[in-house]
Amino acid sequence: MIKAMPCKPLVAVWMALLSTCRICGNLEMGEHVAKLVLELEPENSVGYGLLSNIYAVAHNKDICEYVEQQRKDRGVKKEPVTPGLT
């Protein structure tokens, strides 16, 4: 559906799909979408967090920690979650 869009999708569209991958536990698609998200907005901590959560759900602690380390190495700080908006 995203590929069929008449215009280039905003990062918010990819983030929504990445969030869905996390909810559904779709590791393969999540990895692909996270790569796109992190290329578009490498300073956005949400992409790292969602990808890390996908690996955590898949019980892959080593890669989960690797993603978090990449975020830290790139100087990306976690954004606080606003109560009531989760």
Protein backbone atom coordinates (compact mmCIF):
# COMPACT_ATOMS: atom_id res chain seq x y z
CA MET A 1 0.00 0.00 0.00
CA ILE A 2 2.81 2.43 0.85
CA LYS A 3 4.61 1.69 -2.41
CA ALA A 4 1.39 2.47 -4.31
CA MET A 5 1.12 5.97 -2.82
CA PRO A 6 1.22 8.70 -5.49
CA CYS A 7 3.77 10.70 -3.50
CA LYS A 8 6.83 9.85 -1.44
CA PRO A 9 5.64 8.80 2.05
CA LEU A 10 6.60 10.94 5.03
CA VAL A 11 8.62 9.38 7.82
CA ALA A 12 5.43 9.32 9.92
CA VAL A 13 3.96 6.74 7.53
CA TRP A 14 7.03 4.53 7.90
CA MET A 15 6.96 5.00 11.70
CA ALA A 16 3.33 3.85 11.78
CA LEU A 17 4.28 0.72 9.83
CA LEU A 18 7.29 0.14 12.11
CA SER A 19 5.03 0.43 15.14
CA THR A 20 2.67 -2.10 13.58
CA CYS A 21 5.60 -4.45 12.98
CA ARG A 22 6.42 -4.18 16.69
CA ILE A 23 2.83 -4.94 17.69
CA CYS A 24 2.57 -7.89 15.29
CA GLY A 25 6.08 -9.17 15.95
CA ASN A 26 7.07 -8.99 12.28
CA LEU A 27 10.86 -8.97 12.63
CA GLU A 28 11.74 -9.19 8.94
CA MET A 29 9.55 -6.29 7.83
CA GLY A 30 10.46 -4.35 10.98
CA GLU A 31 14.15 -4.52 10.12
CA HIS A 32 13.49 -3.30 6.59
CA VAL A 33 11.23 -0.44 7.68
CA ALA A 34 13.57 0.57 10.53
CA LYS A 35 16.41 0.91 8.04
CA LEU A 36 14.28 3.33 5.99
CA VAL A 37 13.21 5.27 9.10
CA LEU A 38 16.77 5.59 10.41
CA GLU A 39 18.00 6.74 6.99
CA LEU A 40 15.29 9.41 6.82
CA GLU A 41 15.62 10.60 10.43
CA PRO A 42 18.75 9.21 12.09
CA GLU A 43 18.35 11.64 15.01
CA ASN A 44 14.86 10.38 15.90
CA SER A 45 15.04 8.09 18.92
CA VAL A 46 11.65 6.51 18.26
CA GLY A 47 12.94 4.45 15.33
CA TYR A 48 15.71 2.99 17.49
CA GLY A 49 13.26 2.28 20.31
CA LEU A 50 10.75 0.50 18.10
CA LEU A 51 13.43 -1.62 16.45
CA SER A 52 14.94 -2.46 19.83
CA ASN A 53 11.48 -3.49 21.09
CA ILE A 54 10.94 -5.71 18.04
CA TYR A 55 14.16 -7.57 18.88
CA ALA A 56 13.21 -7.75 22.56
CA VAL A 57 9.87 -9.35 21.69
CA ALA A 58 11.73 -11.80 19.43
CA HIS A 59 13.93 -12.70 22.44
CA ASN A 60 17.07 -11.45 20.70
CA LYS A 61 18.67 -9.57 23.58
CA ASP A 62 22.08 -9.19 21.91
CA ILE A 63 20.75 -7.35 18.87
CA CYS A 64 18.36 -5.37 21.07
CA GLU A 65 21.35 -4.13 23.07
CA TYR A 66 23.29 -3.48 19.84
CA VAL A 67 20.51 -1.20 18.54
CA GLU A 68 20.50 0.72 21.82
CA GLN A 69 24.29 1.06 21.68
CA GLN A 70 24.06 2.37 18.10
CA ARG A 71 21.58 5.00 19.29
CA LYS A 72 23.93 6.06 22.08
CA ASP A 73 27.01 6.04 19.83
CA ARG A 74 25.23 8.36 17.41
CA GLY A 75 24.37 10.75 20.24
CA VAL A 76 20.61 10.22 19.94
CA LYS A 77 18.85 10.76 23.24
CA LYS A 78 15.61 9.04 24.18
CA GLU A 79 12.56 11.28 24.04
CA PRO A 80 10.34 11.27 27.13
CA VAL A 81 6.92 9.70 26.70
CA THR A 82 4.03 12.03 27.44
CA PRO A 83 1.50 10.35 29.79
CA GLY A 84 -1.83 9.63 28.17
CA LEU A 85 -0.43 9.58 24.64
CA THR A 86 0.82 6.01 24.55
